[in-house]
Amino acid sequence: MAMAALRREGRRFVPLVSSPNPVNAIRSTLAPTEEQLGLGVRSISTQIVRNRMKSVKNIQKITKAMKMVAASKLRAIQVRAENSRGLWQPFTALLGDTPSVAVKKNVIVTISSDKGLCGGINSTSVKISRALQRINAGPDSEVKYVILGEKAKAQLIRDSKKDISLSMTELQKNFLNYTQVSVLADEILKNVEFDALRIVFNKFQSVVSFLPTTATVLSPEIVERESEAGGKIGSLDAYEIEGGETKSEVLQNLMEFQFSCVMFNAVLENACSEQGARMSAMDSSSRNAGDMLDRLTLTYNRTRQASITTELIEIISGASALTG
């Protein structure tokens, strides 16, 4: 076939040699016609579609694998997150949760993930943190950020860099336990001055649902002030203190333990919400890749069929010309 094509091209060039300007004649003959361009476009587009199909298949394999990994991690964290809810509930029953308390020094602890591909849980935490900053900011008060997680840091550093007091990342690099989280809580208490700590995290509800939540931990001074003013915290005076410790010392120890318990639950809840959101996002990505693969397969089959039909027409036309 190749030799026949070469002889055919040779016969096509023979009459051009005797022309007045053979170079221009040969150049114009070598330029592809519209029909040849059409054939070239069809063959190239078939290859492009085939490569695209291969890429989409590889992406679908990756998203399915990530969904399975997220599902396995979710099962491991969910039980621990549900069990940790009992740690901070006694503090809520004793001290209450008073987010509306007006204080001068507010510290917003924003908990997020270090990795992406998990839906909008990180953006939700950042939005809640910014809303709290606008609510508590004023001429006589200041608001600072403590950030746990790389994603919240990347968003808040754009417009609130001067308000970030402390940032920590790679929380889930090691196995999350109470000892690890209590060390983080102790680091925050040592390096940040506050009247109220407002922890922002995502509370896990189901694989496809999470609830943005804010927990408030007050300093011992504010607890004493609110206790004297009455209200929910006023019931503290009904308890007797044993062991020779003063009320301030008891409140200081109580606040530190409360903060570490709330942080432990918040970190686990947010990690659980992260894996659930990633599982849902990867499931949607896998289904979208399947839909795209179906459309590409249809396009590939149509292009291939058009190319085959064109080749058959050319063969039949050539055979008809030879016999005619």
C-alpha atoms as a PDB file:
ATOM      1  CA  MET A   1       0.000   0.000   0.000  1.00  0.00           C
ATOM      2  CA  ALA A   2       2.851   2.360   0.835  1.00  0.00           C
ATOM      3  CA  MET A   3       4.540   1.682  -2.536  1.00  0.00           C
ATOM      4  CA  ALA A   4       1.268   2.264  -4.366  1.00  0.00           C
ATOM      5  CA  ALA A   5       0.848   5.568  -2.603  1.00  0.00           C
ATOM      6  CA  LEU A   6       4.409   6.535  -3.524  1.00  0.00           C
ATOM      7  CA  ARG A   7       3.830   5.694  -7.225  1.00  0.00           C
ATOM      8  CA  ARG A   8       0.576   7.658  -7.147  1.00  0.00           C
ATOM      9  CA  GLU A   9       2.345  10.696  -5.668  1.00  0.00           C
ATOM     10  CA  GLY A  10       5.109  10.334  -8.283  1.00  0.00           C
ATOM     11  CA  ARG A  11       2.587  10.409 -11.145  1.00  0.00           C
ATOM     12  CA  ARG A  12       1.036  13.489  -9.571  1.00  0.00           C
ATOM     13  CA  PHE A  13       4.357  15.371  -9.629  1.00  0.00           C
ATOM     14  CA  VAL A  14       5.338  14.456 -13.225  1.00  0.00           C
ATOM     15  CA  PRO A  15       3.264  17.127 -15.048  1.00  0.00           C
ATOM     16  CA  LEU A  16       4.389  19.775 -12.579  1.00  0.00           C
ATOM     17  CA  VAL A  17       8.045  19.600 -13.620  1.00  0.00           C
ATOM     18  CA  SER A  18       7.249  21.007 -17.057  1.00  0.00           C
ATOM     19  CA  SER A  19       5.315  23.970 -15.629  1.00  0.00           C
ATOM     20  CA  PRO A  20       6.809  27.527 -15.846  1.00  0.00           C
ATOM     21  CA  ASN A  21       7.282  27.771 -12.062  1.00  0.00           C
ATOM     22  CA  PRO A  22       7.591  24.183 -10.786  1.00  0.00           C
ATOM     23  CA  VAL A  23       8.485  25.174  -7.165  1.00  0.00           C
ATOM     24  CA  ASN A  24       5.272  27.131  -6.603  1.00  0.00           C
ATOM     25  CA  ALA A  25       3.280  24.442  -8.375  1.00  0.00           C
ATOM     26  CA  ILE A  26       4.677  21.707  -6.156  1.00  0.00           C
ATOM     27  CA  ARG A  27       4.189  23.865  -3.035  1.00  0.00           C
ATOM     28  CA  SER A  28       0.543  24.494  -3.904  1.00  0.00           C
ATOM     29  CA  THR A  29       0.035  20.795  -4.564  1.00  0.00           C
ATOM     30  CA  LEU A  30       1.581  19.823  -1.219  1.00  0.00           C
ATOM     31  CA  ALA A  31      -0.799  22.128   0.679  1.00  0.00           C
ATOM     32  CA  PRO A  32      -3.581  20.007   2.197  1.00  0.00           C
ATOM     33  CA  THR A  33      -7.042  20.286   0.760  1.00  0.00           C
ATOM     34  CA  GLU A  34     -10.145  20.838   2.847  1.00  0.00           C
ATOM     35  CA  GLU A  35     -11.016  17.154   2.584  1.00  0.00           C
ATOM     36  CA  GLN A  36      -7.544  16.148   3.795  1.00  0.00           C
ATOM     37  CA  LEU A  37      -7.763  18.648   6.632  1.00  0.00           C
ATOM     38  CA  GLY A  38     -11.089  17.151   7.635  1.00  0.00           C
ATOM     39  CA  LEU A  39      -9.584  13.652   7.709  1.00  0.00           C
ATOM     40  CA  GLY A  40      -6.667  14.900   9.788  1.00  0.00           C
ATOM     41  CA  VAL A  41      -8.937  16.634  12.272  1.00  0.00           C
ATOM     42  CA  ARG A  42     -11.027  13.491  12.660  1.00  0.00           C
ATOM     43  CA  SER A  43      -8.019  11.273  13.334  1.00  0.00           C
ATOM     44  CA  ILE A  44      -6.480  13.771  15.785  1.00  0.00           C
ATOM     45  CA  SER A  45      -9.754  14.309  17.627  1.00  0.00           C
ATOM     46  CA  THR A  46     -10.139  10.547  18.046  1.00  0.00           C
ATOM     47  CA  GLN A  47      -6.730  10.367  19.676  1.00  0.00           C
ATOM     48  CA  ILE A  48      -7.518  13.362  21.882  1.00  0.00           C
ATOM     49  CA  VAL A  49     -10.789  11.818  23.034  1.00  0.00           C
ATOM     50  CA  ARG A  50      -9.029   8.534  23.741  1.00  0.00           C
ATOM     51  CA  ASN A  51      -6.406  10.297  25.881  1.00  0.00           C
ATOM     52  CA  ARG A  52      -9.111  12.237  27.684  1.00  0.00           C
ATOM     53  CA  MET A  53     -10.990   9.016  28.421  1.00  0.00           C
ATOM     54  CA  LYS A  54      -7.827   7.498  29.852  1.00  0.00           C
ATOM     55  CA  SER A  55      -7.276  10.540  32.080  1.00  0.00           C
ATOM     56  CA  VAL A  56     -10.869  10.484  33.344  1.00  0.00           C
ATOM     57  CA  LYS A  57     -10.596   6.766  34.129  1.00  0.00           C
ATOM     58  CA  ASN A  58      -7.427   7.376  36.154  1.00  0.00           C
ATOM     59  CA  ILE A  59      -9.086  10.234  38.042  1.00  0.00           C
ATOM     60  CA  GLN A  60     -12.096   8.033  38.766  1.00  0.00           C
ATOM     61  CA  LYS A  61      -9.817   5.340  40.211  1.00  0.00           C
ATOM     62  CA  ILE A  62      -8.155   7.919  42.455  1.00  0.00           C
ATOM     63  CA  THR A  63     -11.444   9.366  43.732  1.00  0.00           C
ATOM     64  CA  LYS A  64     -12.824   5.900  44.457  1.00  0.00           C
ATOM     65  CA  ALA A  65      -9.679   5.016  46.397  1.00  0.00           C
ATOM     66  CA  MET A  66      -9.858   8.287  48.358  1.00  0.00           C
ATOM     67  CA  LYS A  67     -13.501   7.593  49.187  1.00  0.00           C
ATOM     68  CA  MET A  68     -12.602   4.174  50.601  1.00  0.00           C
ATOM     69  CA  VAL A  69      -9.740   5.628  52.659  1.00  0.00           C
ATOM     70  CA  ALA A  70     -12.016   8.375  54.037  1.00  0.00           C
ATOM     71  CA  ALA A  71     -14.685   5.794  54.911  1.00  0.00           C
ATOM     72  CA  SER A  72     -12.189   3.688  56.858  1.00  0.00           C
ATOM     73  CA  LYS A  73     -10.874   6.729  58.747  1.00  0.00           C
ATOM     74  CA  LEU A  74     -14.418   7.903  59.450  1.00  0.00           C
ATOM     75  CA  ARG A  75     -15.370   4.653  61.142  1.00  0.00           C
ATOM     76  CA  ALA A  76     -12.286   4.879  63.362  1.00  0.00           C
ATOM     77  CA  ILE A  77     -12.922   8.487  64.452  1.00  0.00           C
ATOM     78  CA  GLN A  78     -16.723   8.495  64.722  1.00  0.00           C
ATOM     79  CA  VAL A  79     -16.936   6.297  67.810  1.00  0.00           C
ATOM     80  CA  ARG A  80     -14.264   8.321  69.619  1.00  0.00           C
ATOM     81  CA  ALA A  81     -15.965  11.602  68.699  1.00  0.00           C
ATOM     82  CA  GLU A  82     -19.317  10.419  70.039  1.00  0.00           C
ATOM     83  CA  ASN A  83     -17.715   9.167  73.257  1.00  0.00           C
ATOM     84  CA  SER A  84     -15.860  12.466  73.775  1.00  0.00           C
ATOM     85  CA  ARG A  85     -19.120  14.421  73.913  1.00  0.00           C
ATOM     86  CA  GLY A  86     -19.604  13.295  77.486  1.00  0.00           C
ATOM     87  CA  LEU A  87     -16.427  15.110  78.589  1.00  0.00           C
ATOM     88  CA  TRP A  88     -17.600  18.684  78.138  1.00  0.00           C
ATOM     89  CA  GLN A  89     -21.315  18.236  78.868  1.00  0.00           C
ATOM     90  CA  PRO A  90     -20.838  18.382  82.698  1.00  0.00           C
ATOM     91  CA  PHE A  91     -19.077  21.725  82.270  1.00  0.00           C
ATOM     92  CA  THR A  92     -21.997  23.039  80.256  1.00  0.00           C
ATOM     93  CA  ALA A  93     -24.379  21.899  82.966  1.00  0.00           C
ATOM     94  CA  LEU A  94     -22.235  23.563  85.667  1.00  0.00           C
ATOM     95  CA  LEU A  95     -21.056  26.755  83.984  1.00  0.00           C
ATOM     96  CA  GLY A  96     -23.394  26.993  81.037  1.00  0.00           C
ATOM     97  CA  ASP A  97     -22.428  28.131  77.558  1.00  0.00           C
ATOM     98  CA  THR A  98     -22.645  31.925  77.435  1.00  0.00           C
ATOM     99  CA  PRO A  99     -21.505  33.191  74.023  1.00  0.00           C
ATOM    100  CA  SER A 100     -23.179  36.567  74.584  1.00  0.00           C
ATOM    101  CA  VAL A 101     -20.936  37.591  77.496  1.00  0.00           C
ATOM    102  CA  ALA A 102     -19.302  40.952  76.763  1.00  0.00           C
ATOM    103  CA  VAL A 103     -15.538  40.886  77.400  1.00  0.00           C
ATOM    104  CA  LYS A 104     -12.552  42.950  76.320  1.00  0.00           C
ATOM    105  CA  LYS A 105     -10.188  40.232  75.152  1.00  0.00           C
ATOM    106  CA  ASN A 106     -11.722  37.687  72.803  1.00  0.00           C
ATOM    107  CA  VAL A 107      -9.738  34.833  71.304  1.00  0.00           C
ATOM    108  CA  ILE A 108     -11.315  32.864  68.462  1.00  0.00           C
ATOM    109  CA  VAL A 109      -9.912  29.337  68.143  1.00  0.00           C
ATOM    110  CA  THR A 110     -10.642  28.206  64.583  1.00  0.00           C
ATOM    111  CA  ILE A 111     -10.298  24.474  63.923  1.00  0.00           C
ATOM    112  CA  SER A 112      -9.882  23.315  60.337  1.00  0.00           C
ATOM    113  CA  SER A 113      -8.158  20.586  58.343  1.00  0.00           C
ATOM    114  CA  ASP A 114      -4.662  20.462  56.879  1.00  0.00           C
ATOM    115  CA  LYS A 115      -5.801  18.895  53.598  1.00  0.00           C
ATOM    116  CA  GLY A 116      -8.406  19.887  51.048  1.00  0.00           C
ATOM    117  CA  LEU A 117     -10.883  17.955  48.891  1.00  0.00           C
ATOM    118  CA  CYS A 118     -13.377  17.883  51.757  1.00  0.00           C
ATOM    119  CA  GLY A 119     -16.179  20.175  50.623  1.00  0.00           C
ATOM    120  CA  GLY A 120     -16.855  23.449  52.382  1.00  0.00           C
ATOM    121  CA  ILE A 121     -16.153  22.636  56.033  1.00  0.00           C
ATOM    122  CA  ASN A 122     -13.041  24.843  56.158  1.00  0.00           C
ATOM    123  CA  SER A 123     -14.743  27.781  54.450  1.00  0.00           C
ATOM    124  CA  THR A 124     -17.662  27.442  56.871  1.00  0.00           C
ATOM    125  CA  SER A 125     -15.354  27.617  59.910  1.00  0.00           C
ATOM    126  CA  VAL A 126     -13.607  30.682  58.488  1.00  0.00           C
ATOM    127  CA  LYS A 127     -16.931  32.424  57.797  1.00  0.00           C
ATOM    128  CA  ILE A 128     -18.133  31.781  61.360  1.00  0.00           C
ATOM    129  CA  SER A 129     -14.816  33.058  62.739  1.00  0.00           C
ATOM    130  CA  ARG A 130     -15.006  36.252  60.719  1.00  0.00           C
ATOM    131  CA  ALA A 131     -18.599  36.791  61.821  1.00  0.00           C
ATOM    132  CA  LEU A 132     -17.565  36.407  65.477  1.00  0.00           C
ATOM    133  CA  GLN A 133     -14.731  38.847  64.895  1.00  0.00           C
ATOM    134  CA  ARG A 134     -17.116  41.462  63.517  1.00  0.00           C
ATOM    135  CA  ILE A 135     -19.596  40.931  66.375  1.00  0.00           C
ATOM    136  CA  ASN A 136     -17.054  41.177  69.204  1.00  0.00           C
ATOM    137  CA  ALA A 137     -14.814  43.872  67.730  1.00  0.00           C
ATOM    138  CA  GLY A 138     -15.158  47.343  69.188  1.00  0.00           C
ATOM    139  CA  PRO A 139     -13.258  50.382  70.429  1.00  0.00           C
ATOM    140  CA  ASP A 140     -12.817  48.897  73.923  1.00  0.00           C
ATOM    141  CA  SER A 141     -12.283  45.266  72.908  1.00  0.00           C
ATOM    142  CA  GLU A 142      -9.846  43.287  70.826  1.00  0.00           C
ATOM    143  CA  VAL A 143     -10.180  40.030  68.950  1.00  0.00           C
ATOM    144  CA  LYS A 144      -7.340  37.642  68.205  1.00  0.00           C
ATOM    145  CA  TYR A 145      -7.168  34.365  66.293  1.00  0.00           C
ATOM    146  CA  VAL A 146      -5.689  31.021  67.227  1.00  0.00           C
ATOM    147  CA  ILE A 147      -5.733  28.761  64.165  1.00  0.00           C
ATOM    148  CA  LEU A 148      -5.511  24.979  64.111  1.00  0.00           C
ATOM    149  CA  GLY A 149      -5.129  23.669  60.578  1.00  0.00           C
ATOM    150  CA  GLU A 150      -3.474  24.807  57.384  1.00  0.00           C
ATOM    151  CA  LYS A 151      -6.644  25.599  55.408  1.00  0.00           C
ATOM    152  CA  ALA A 152      -8.047  28.163  57.848  1.00  0.00           C
ATOM    153  CA  LYS A 153      -4.605  29.738  58.165  1.00  0.00           C
ATOM    154  CA  ALA A 154      -4.349  30.175  54.391  1.00  0.00           C
ATOM    155  CA  GLN A 155      -7.697  31.998  54.296  1.00  0.00           C
ATOM    156  CA  LEU A 156      -7.448  34.143  57.436  1.00  0.00           C
ATOM    157  CA  ILE A 157      -3.890  35.270  56.779  1.00  0.00           C
ATOM    158  CA  ARG A 158      -5.085  37.241  53.747  1.00  0.00           C
ATOM    159  CA  ASP A 159      -7.043  39.887  55.646  1.00  0.00           C
ATOM    160  CA  SER A 160      -6.319  39.219  59.347  1.00  0.00           C
ATOM    161  CA  LYS A 161      -2.609  38.521  59.489  1.00  0.00           C
ATOM    162  CA  LYS A 162      -1.971  41.032  62.295  1.00  0.00           C
ATOM    163  CA  ASP A 163      -4.731  39.475  64.423  1.00  0.00           C
ATOM    164  CA  ILE A 164      -3.310  35.929  64.373  1.00  0.00           C
ATOM    165  CA  SER A 165      -1.637  35.209  67.701  1.00  0.00           C
ATOM    166  CA  LEU A 166      -0.860  31.545  67.234  1.00  0.00           C
ATOM    167  CA  SER A 167      -1.202  28.914  64.506  1.00  0.00           C
ATOM    168  CA  MET A 168      -0.679  25.156  64.603  1.00  0.00           C
ATOM    169  CA  THR A 169      -0.777  22.638  61.769  1.00  0.00           C
ATOM    170  CA  GLU A 170      -0.480  18.890  61.152  1.00  0.00           C
ATOM    171  CA  LEU A 171      -2.803  17.978  64.007  1.00  0.00           C
ATOM    172  CA  GLN A 172      -3.795  14.670  62.451  1.00  0.00           C
ATOM    173  CA  LYS A 173      -0.289  13.628  61.491  1.00  0.00           C
ATOM    174  CA  ASN A 174      -0.244  11.466  64.613  1.00  0.00           C
ATOM    175  CA  PHE A 175      -3.024   9.568  66.345  1.00  0.00           C
ATOM    176  CA  LEU A 176      -5.333  12.043  68.096  1.00  0.00           C
ATOM    177  CA  ASN A 177      -5.601  11.430  71.841  1.00  0.00           C
ATOM    178  CA  TYR A 178      -6.380  13.503  74.901  1.00  0.00           C
ATOM    179  CA  THR A 179      -2.720  13.873  75.883  1.00  0.00           C
ATOM    180  CA  GLN A 180      -1.805  15.405  72.534  1.00  0.00           C
ATOM    181  CA  VAL A 181      -4.754  17.810  72.550  1.00  0.00           C
ATOM    182  CA  SER A 182      -4.160  18.822  76.190  1.00  0.00           C
ATOM    183  CA  VAL A 183      -0.591  19.805  75.273  1.00  0.00           C
ATOM    184  CA  LEU A 184      -1.995  22.019  72.496  1.00  0.00           C
ATOM    185  CA  ALA A 185      -4.515  23.534  74.914  1.00  0.00           C
ATOM    186  CA  ASP A 186      -1.769  24.230  77.446  1.00  0.00           C
ATOM    187  CA  GLU A 187       0.320  25.911  74.726  1.00  0.00           C
ATOM    188  CA  ILE A 188      -2.608  28.182  73.851  1.00  0.00           C
ATOM    189  CA  LEU A 189      -3.244  29.116  77.490  1.00  0.00           C
ATOM    190  CA  LYS A 190       0.417  29.999  78.023  1.00  0.00           C
ATOM    191  CA  ASN A 191       0.833  32.201  74.938  1.00  0.00           C
ATOM    192  CA  VAL A 192      -2.517  33.994  74.675  1.00  0.00           C
ATOM    193  CA  GLU A 193      -4.166  36.493  77.013  1.00  0.00           C
ATOM    194  CA  PHE A 194      -7.944  36.195  76.984  1.00  0.00           C
ATOM    195  CA  ASP A 195     -11.192  36.832  78.754  1.00  0.00           C
ATOM    196  CA  ALA A 196     -13.171  34.438  76.553  1.00  0.00           C
ATOM    197  CA  LEU A 197     -12.096  31.614  74.276  1.00  0.00           C
ATOM    198  CA  ARG A 198     -14.523  30.929  71.438  1.00  0.00           C
ATOM    199  CA  ILE A 199     -13.832  27.569  69.773  1.00  0.00           C
ATOM    200  CA  VAL A 200     -15.222  27.261  66.244  1.00  0.00           C
ATOM    201  CA  PHE A 201     -15.538  23.753  64.783  1.00  0.00           C
ATOM    202  CA  ASN A 202     -17.843  21.511  62.745  1.00  0.00           C
ATOM    203  CA  LYS A 203     -19.942  19.092  64.752  1.00  0.00           C
ATOM    204  CA  PHE A 204     -20.473  15.754  63.037  1.00  0.00           C
ATOM    205  CA  GLN A 205     -24.077  14.715  62.435  1.00  0.00           C
ATOM    206  CA  SER A 206     -23.932  12.322  59.476  1.00  0.00           C
ATOM    207  CA  VAL A 207     -21.791  11.560  56.445  1.00  0.00           C
ATOM    208  CA  VAL A 208     -23.544  14.263  54.439  1.00  0.00           C
ATOM    209  CA  SER A 209     -24.280  16.704  57.245  1.00  0.00           C
ATOM    210  CA  PHE A 210     -22.245  18.720  59.744  1.00  0.00           C
ATOM    211  CA  LEU A 211     -23.210  21.599  62.038  1.00  0.00           C
ATOM    212  CA  PRO A 212     -20.973  24.665  62.517  1.00  0.00           C
ATOM    213  CA  THR A 213     -20.654  25.049  66.287  1.00  0.00           C
ATOM    214  CA  THR A 214     -19.163  27.589  68.682  1.00  0.00           C
ATOM    215  CA  ALA A 215     -18.191  26.720  72.260  1.00  0.00           C
ATOM    216  CA  THR A 216     -17.266  29.428  74.780  1.00  0.00           C
ATOM    217  CA  VAL A 217     -14.782  29.045  77.634  1.00  0.00           C
ATOM    218  CA  LEU A 218     -14.527  31.996  80.036  1.00  0.00           C
ATOM    219  CA  SER A 219     -11.514  32.991  82.101  1.00  0.00           C
ATOM    220  CA  PRO A 220     -11.728  32.599  85.922  1.00  0.00           C
ATOM    221  CA  GLU A 221     -12.039  36.365  86.384  1.00  0.00           C
ATOM    222  CA  ILE A 222     -15.024  36.582  84.048  1.00  0.00           C
ATOM    223  CA  VAL A 223     -16.589  33.533  85.714  1.00  0.00           C
ATOM    224  CA  GLU A 224     -16.320  35.237  89.119  1.00  0.00           C
ATOM    225  CA  ARG A 225     -17.764  38.443  87.682  1.00  0.00           C
ATOM    226  CA  GLU A 226     -20.700  36.630  86.140  1.00  0.00           C
ATOM    227  CA  SER A 227     -21.156  34.575  89.320  1.00  0.00           C
ATOM    228  CA  GLU A 228     -21.492  37.725  91.376  1.00  0.00           C
ATOM    229  CA  ALA A 229     -23.942  39.132  88.831  1.00  0.00           C
ATOM    230  CA  GLY A 230     -26.133  36.016  89.140  1.00  0.00           C
ATOM    231  CA  GLY A 231     -27.662  34.099  86.267  1.00  0.00           C
ATOM    232  CA  LYS A 232     -26.541  30.660  85.152  1.00  0.00           C
ATOM    233  CA  ILE A 233     -23.097  30.902  86.710  1.00  0.00           C
ATOM    234  CA  GLY A 234     -24.497  32.256  89.976  1.00  0.00           C
ATOM    235  CA  SER A 235     -25.234  28.699  91.181  1.00  0.00           C
ATOM    236  CA  LEU A 236     -21.499  28.135  91.789  1.00  0.00           C
ATOM    237  CA  ASP A 237     -21.814  29.687  95.248  1.00  0.00           C
ATOM    238  CA  ALA A 238     -24.006  26.776  96.291  1.00  0.00           C
ATOM    239  CA  TYR A 239     -21.024  24.385  96.155  1.00  0.00           C
ATOM    240  CA  GLU A 240     -18.599  23.880  99.030  1.00  0.00           C
ATOM    241  CA  ILE A 241     -14.850  23.906  98.341  1.00  0.00           C
ATOM    242  CA  GLU A 242     -12.755  21.213 100.032  1.00  0.00           C
ATOM    243  CA  GLY A 243      -8.995  20.726 100.174  1.00  0.00           C
ATOM    244  CA  GLY A 244      -7.954  24.191 101.273  1.00  0.00           C
ATOM    245  CA  GLU A 245      -7.996  25.712  97.788  1.00  0.00           C
ATOM    246  CA  THR A 246      -9.459  29.119  97.159  1.00  0.00           C
ATOM    247  CA  LYS A 247     -12.307  29.769  94.792  1.00  0.00           C
ATOM    248  CA  SER A 248      -9.955  31.392  92.260  1.00  0.00           C
ATOM    249  CA  GLU A 249      -7.666  28.351  92.222  1.00  0.00           C
ATOM    250  CA  VAL A 250     -10.595  26.005  91.782  1.00  0.00           C
ATOM    251  CA  LEU A 251     -11.959  28.100  88.911  1.00  0.00           C
ATOM    252  CA  GLN A 252      -8.508  28.250  87.284  1.00  0.00           C
ATOM    253  CA  ASN A 253      -8.137  24.458  87.385  1.00  0.00           C
ATOM    254  CA  LEU A 254     -11.714  24.015  86.249  1.00  0.00           C
ATOM    255  CA  MET A 255     -11.216  26.363  83.306  1.00  0.00           C
ATOM    256  CA  GLU A 256      -8.033  24.608  82.134  1.00  0.00           C
ATOM    257  CA  PHE A 257      -9.663  21.192  82.329  1.00  0.00           C
ATOM    258  CA  GLN A 258     -12.794  22.486  80.599  1.00  0.00           C
ATOM    259  CA  PHE A 259     -10.775  24.002  77.749  1.00  0.00           C
ATOM    260  CA  SER A 260      -8.784  20.804  77.167  1.00  0.00           C
ATOM    261  CA  CYS A 261     -11.972  18.690  77.160  1.00  0.00           C
ATOM    262  CA  VAL A 262     -13.784  21.037  74.791  1.00  0.00           C
ATOM    263  CA  MET A 263     -10.733  21.145  72.507  1.00  0.00           C
ATOM    264  CA  PHE A 264     -10.487  17.351  72.476  1.00  0.00           C
ATOM    265  CA  ASN A 265     -14.118  16.990  71.483  1.00  0.00           C
ATOM    266  CA  ALA A 266     -13.879  19.824  68.931  1.00  0.00           C
ATOM    267  CA  VAL A 267     -10.812  18.356  67.223  1.00  0.00           C
ATOM    268  CA  LEU A 268     -12.412  14.911  66.987  1.00  0.00           C
ATOM    269  CA  GLU A 269     -15.745  16.304  65.763  1.00  0.00           C
ATOM    270  CA  ASN A 270     -14.007  18.387  63.110  1.00  0.00           C
ATOM    271  CA  ALA A 271     -11.849  15.451  61.998  1.00  0.00           C
ATOM    272  CA  CYS A 272     -14.959  13.288  61.743  1.00  0.00           C
ATOM    273  CA  SER A 273     -16.769  15.975  59.733  1.00  0.00           C
ATOM    274  CA  GLU A 274     -13.721  16.310  57.486  1.00  0.00           C
ATOM    275  CA  GLN A 275     -13.663  12.607  56.613  1.00  0.00           C
ATOM    276  CA  GLY A 276     -17.424  12.539  56.066  1.00  0.00           C
ATOM    277  CA  ALA A 277     -17.256  15.580  53.791  1.00  0.00           C
ATOM    278  CA  ARG A 278     -14.298  14.121  51.894  1.00  0.00           C
ATOM    279  CA  MET A 279     -16.140  10.827  51.484  1.00  0.00           C
ATOM    280  CA  SER A 280     -19.181  12.657  50.094  1.00  0.00           C
ATOM    281  CA  ALA A 281     -17.045  14.852  47.818  1.00  0.00           C
ATOM    282  CA  MET A 282     -15.123  11.885  46.408  1.00  0.00           C
ATOM    283  CA  ASP A 283     -18.374  10.005  45.806  1.00  0.00           C
ATOM    284  CA  SER A 284     -19.725  12.971  43.837  1.00  0.00           C
ATOM    285  CA  SER A 285     -16.438  13.229  41.922  1.00  0.00           C
ATOM    286  CA  SER A 286     -16.556   9.529  41.017  1.00  0.00           C
ATOM    287  CA  ARG A 287     -20.121   9.855  39.743  1.00  0.00           C
ATOM    288  CA  ASN A 288     -19.234  12.975  37.759  1.00  0.00           C
ATOM    289  CA  ALA A 289     -16.241  11.169  36.255  1.00  0.00           C
ATOM    290  CA  GLY A 290     -18.525   8.300  35.253  1.00  0.00           C
ATOM    291  CA  ASP A 291     -20.944  10.707  33.564  1.00  0.00           C
ATOM    292  CA  MET A 292     -18.078  12.420  31.748  1.00  0.00           C
ATOM    293  CA  LEU A 293     -16.721   9.042  30.682  1.00  0.00           C
ATOM    294  CA  ASP A 294     -20.095   8.106  29.211  1.00  0.00           C
ATOM    295  CA  ARG A 295     -20.210  11.336  27.209  1.00  0.00           C
ATOM    296  CA  LEU A 296     -16.629  10.880  26.002  1.00  0.00           C
ATOM    297  CA  THR A 297     -17.342   7.281  24.998  1.00  0.00           C
ATOM    298  CA  LEU A 298     -20.326   8.430  22.971  1.00  0.00           C
ATOM    299  CA  THR A 299     -18.243  11.153  21.305  1.00  0.00           C
ATOM    300  CA  TYR A 300     -15.439   8.696  20.573  1.00  0.00           C
ATOM    301  CA  ASN A 301     -17.800   6.167  19.014  1.00  0.00           C
ATOM    302  CA  ARG A 302     -19.433   8.824  16.858  1.00  0.00           C
ATOM    303  CA  THR A 303     -16.075  10.172  15.681  1.00  0.00           C
ATOM    304  CA  ARG A 304     -14.750   6.695  14.983  1.00  0.00           C
ATOM    305  CA  GLN A 305     -17.905   5.727  13.095  1.00  0.00           C
ATOM    306  CA  ALA A 306     -17.692   8.903  11.009  1.00  0.00           C
ATOM    307  CA  SER A 307     -14.080   8.149  10.153  1.00  0.00           C
ATOM    308  CA  ILE A 308     -14.925   4.564   9.152  1.00  0.00           C
ATOM    309  CA  THR A 309     -17.847   5.765   7.037  1.00  0.00           C
ATOM    310  CA  THR A 310     -15.621   8.285   5.260  1.00  0.00           C
ATOM    311  CA  GLU A 311     -13.002   5.646   4.508  1.00  0.00           C
ATOM    312  CA  LEU A 312     -15.653   3.277   3.136  1.00  0.00           C
ATOM    313  CA  ILE A 313     -17.026   6.012   0.892  1.00  0.00           C
ATOM    314  CA  GLU A 314     -13.535   6.765  -0.429  1.00  0.00           C
ATOM    315  CA  ILE A 315     -12.851   3.068  -1.103  1.00  0.00           C
ATOM    316  CA  ILE A 316     -16.184   2.595  -2.902  1.00  0.00           C
ATOM    317  CA  SER A 317     -15.693   5.785  -4.891  1.00  0.00           C
ATOM    318  CA  GLY A 318     -12.193   4.702  -5.925  1.00  0.00           C
ATOM    319  CA  ALA A 319     -13.414   1.261  -6.946  1.00  0.00           C
ATOM    320  CA  SER A 320     -16.267   2.803  -8.929  1.00  0.00           C
ATOM    321  CA  ALA A 321     -13.844   5.148 -10.694  1.00  0.00           C
ATOM    322  CA  LEU A 322     -11.561   2.260 -11.683  1.00  0.00           C
ATOM    323  CA  THR A 323     -14.386   0.080 -13.026  1.00  0.00           C
ATOM    324  CA  GLY A 324     -16.200   2.993 -14.653  1.00  0.00           C
END
